[in-house]
Amino acid sequence: MPHPALSRILYVEDDADIREIAQLALEMVGGFEMLLCASGEQALAQAAAFAPQLILLDVMMPGMDGPTTLVALRQQPELAHIPIAFMTAKIQPQEIAAYKAMGAVDVIAKPFDPMLLPQQVTDIWLSSKA
């Protein structure tokens, strides 16, 4: 049975400029419905009501960082099964292995190409459903 198309993405990023570039790329080029959060705390408060199909998380954020946010999101039953990918400049092989060991399905390198981001995100989502 085919999976429904990816349409709803939660993006957690503390840098407003990066958040805006990703939003433009994913909404305008990808056609996705986005919920943007500037912090892990905001994501925890709003994610369940938005019901995302995929969550994109920045790794380095003040307060609650990406890995801490991932663990907290996993503790919400309605979000426990949602695939999560990190978006980070920290992409050494051992760092990527650590993110995947935490439960991330993949890692998108920053800086990212805005024109390629929608396809990268779609590919990650499809591979998480395989």
Protein backbone atom coordinates (compact mmCIF):
# COMPACT_ATOMS: atom_id res chain seq x y z
CA MET A 1 0.00 0.00 0.00
CA PRO A 2 1.57 3.35 -0.97
CA HIS A 3 2.24 5.89 1.74
CA PRO A 4 0.49 9.26 1.62
CA ALA A 5 2.67 12.01 0.16
CA LEU A 6 4.74 14.06 2.56
CA SER A 7 2.98 17.36 3.20
CA ARG A 8 3.49 18.51 6.83
CA ILE A 9 6.95 19.32 8.18
CA LEU A 10 8.01 20.72 11.54
CA TYR A 11 11.29 22.64 11.31
CA VAL A 12 13.12 23.61 14.50
CA GLU A 13 15.92 26.15 13.95
CA ASP A 14 17.07 29.00 16.20
CA ASP A 15 18.70 31.05 13.39
CA ALA A 16 15.97 33.21 11.83
CA ASP A 17 17.79 33.60 8.49
CA ILE A 18 18.30 29.86 8.04
CA ARG A 19 14.71 29.22 9.15
CA GLU A 20 13.43 31.66 6.52
CA ILE A 21 15.55 30.19 3.69
CA ALA A 22 14.41 26.66 4.54
CA GLN A 23 10.79 27.79 4.81
CA LEU A 24 10.91 29.47 1.38
CA ALA A 25 12.54 26.40 -0.16
CA LEU A 26 10.18 23.89 1.42
CA GLU A 27 6.95 25.88 0.96
CA MET A 28 7.55 27.54 -2.41
CA VAL A 29 9.64 24.88 -4.15
CA GLY A 30 8.46 21.79 -2.28
CA GLY A 31 4.85 22.76 -1.64
CA PHE A 32 5.01 21.60 1.97
CA GLU A 33 2.96 22.92 4.88
CA MET A 34 5.44 24.08 7.52
CA LEU A 35 5.41 24.73 11.24
CA LEU A 36 8.50 26.73 12.18
CA CYS A 37 9.80 26.73 15.73
CA ALA A 38 12.71 28.80 17.04
CA SER A 39 13.47 26.49 19.97
CA GLY A 40 13.12 22.95 21.24
CA GLU A 41 10.75 24.17 23.93
CA GLN A 42 8.47 25.77 21.30
CA ALA A 43 8.55 22.56 19.25
CA LEU A 44 7.52 20.48 22.25
CA ALA A 45 4.61 22.83 22.94
CA GLN A 46 3.31 22.96 19.34
CA ALA A 47 4.33 19.76 17.55
CA ALA A 48 1.54 17.41 18.60
CA ALA A 49 -1.22 19.85 17.55
CA PHE A 50 0.43 20.32 14.13
CA ALA A 51 0.78 16.53 13.60
CA PRO A 52 3.90 16.66 11.39
CA GLN A 53 4.85 13.77 9.12
CA LEU A 54 8.55 14.66 9.37
CA ILE A 55 10.57 16.71 11.84
CA LEU A 56 13.74 18.60 10.91
CA LEU A 57 15.91 19.60 13.87
CA ASP A 58 18.89 21.91 14.19
CA VAL A 59 21.56 20.33 16.42
CA MET A 60 23.06 23.41 18.08
CA MET A 61 20.42 25.61 19.71
CA PRO A 62 20.53 27.60 22.95
CA GLY A 63 18.69 26.08 25.86
CA MET A 64 17.33 22.80 24.56
CA ASP A 65 19.62 21.49 21.80
CA GLY A 66 18.55 19.20 18.97
CA PRO A 67 19.48 15.88 20.59
CA THR A 68 17.65 16.87 23.81
CA THR A 69 14.64 17.96 21.75
CA LEU A 70 14.65 14.63 19.87
CA VAL A 71 14.54 12.69 23.15
CA ALA A 72 11.72 14.89 24.49
CA LEU A 73 9.67 14.59 21.27
CA ARG A 74 10.04 10.80 21.42
CA GLN A 75 8.40 10.86 24.86
CA GLN A 76 5.17 12.29 23.39
CA PRO A 77 3.16 9.24 22.25
CA GLU A 78 1.63 11.03 19.23
CA LEU A 79 5.14 11.97 18.01
CA ALA A 80 7.11 8.87 18.96
CA HIS A 81 6.86 7.35 15.45
CA ILE A 82 7.52 10.52 13.42
CA PRO A 83 10.83 10.40 11.49
CA ILE A 84 13.32 13.03 12.65
CA ALA A 85 16.31 14.30 10.65
CA PHE A 86 18.99 16.66 11.89
CA MET A 87 20.14 19.68 9.89
CA THR A 88 23.63 20.63 10.99
CA ALA A 89 27.12 21.70 9.98
CA LYS A 90 28.47 19.01 12.32
CA ILE A 91 28.68 16.18 9.79
CA GLN A 92 31.81 14.22 10.64
CA PRO A 93 31.14 10.47 10.21
CA GLN A 94 31.23 9.87 13.99
CA GLU A 95 28.77 12.75 14.53
CA ILE A 96 26.36 11.36 11.93
CA ALA A 97 26.65 7.91 13.51
CA ALA A 98 25.86 9.41 16.93
CA TYR A 99 22.76 11.22 15.59
CA LYS A 100 21.50 8.02 14.00
CA ALA A 101 22.19 6.11 17.22
CA MET A 102 19.92 8.66 18.97
CA GLY A 103 17.13 7.78 16.55
CA ALA A 104 17.54 10.30 13.74
CA VAL A 105 16.73 8.82 10.33
CA ASP A 106 19.25 11.01 8.49
CA VAL A 107 21.32 14.20 8.53
CA ILE A 108 21.17 17.14 6.11
CA ALA A 109 24.39 19.14 5.91
CA LYS A 110 24.41 22.89 6.42
CA PRO A 111 24.78 25.00 4.49
CA PHE A 112 22.15 23.32 2.34
CA ASP A 113 21.15 24.11 -1.25
CA PRO A 114 17.63 25.60 -1.03
CA MET A 115 16.72 24.29 -4.49
CA LEU A 116 17.73 20.73 -3.54
CA LEU A 117 16.32 20.75 0.00
CA PRO A 118 12.73 19.72 -0.90
CA GLN A 119 13.99 16.63 -2.74
CA GLN A 120 16.45 15.78 0.05
CA VAL A 121 13.63 15.99 2.59
CA THR A 122 11.30 13.89 0.40
CA ASP A 123 14.02 11.25 -0.09
CA ILE A 124 14.65 11.05 3.67
CA TRP A 125 10.94 10.69 4.36
CA LEU A 126 10.50 7.98 1.71
CA SER A 127 13.53 6.04 2.97
CA SER A 128 12.13 6.20 6.52
CA LYS A 129 8.94 4.53 5.23
CA ALA A 130 10.72 1.78 3.27
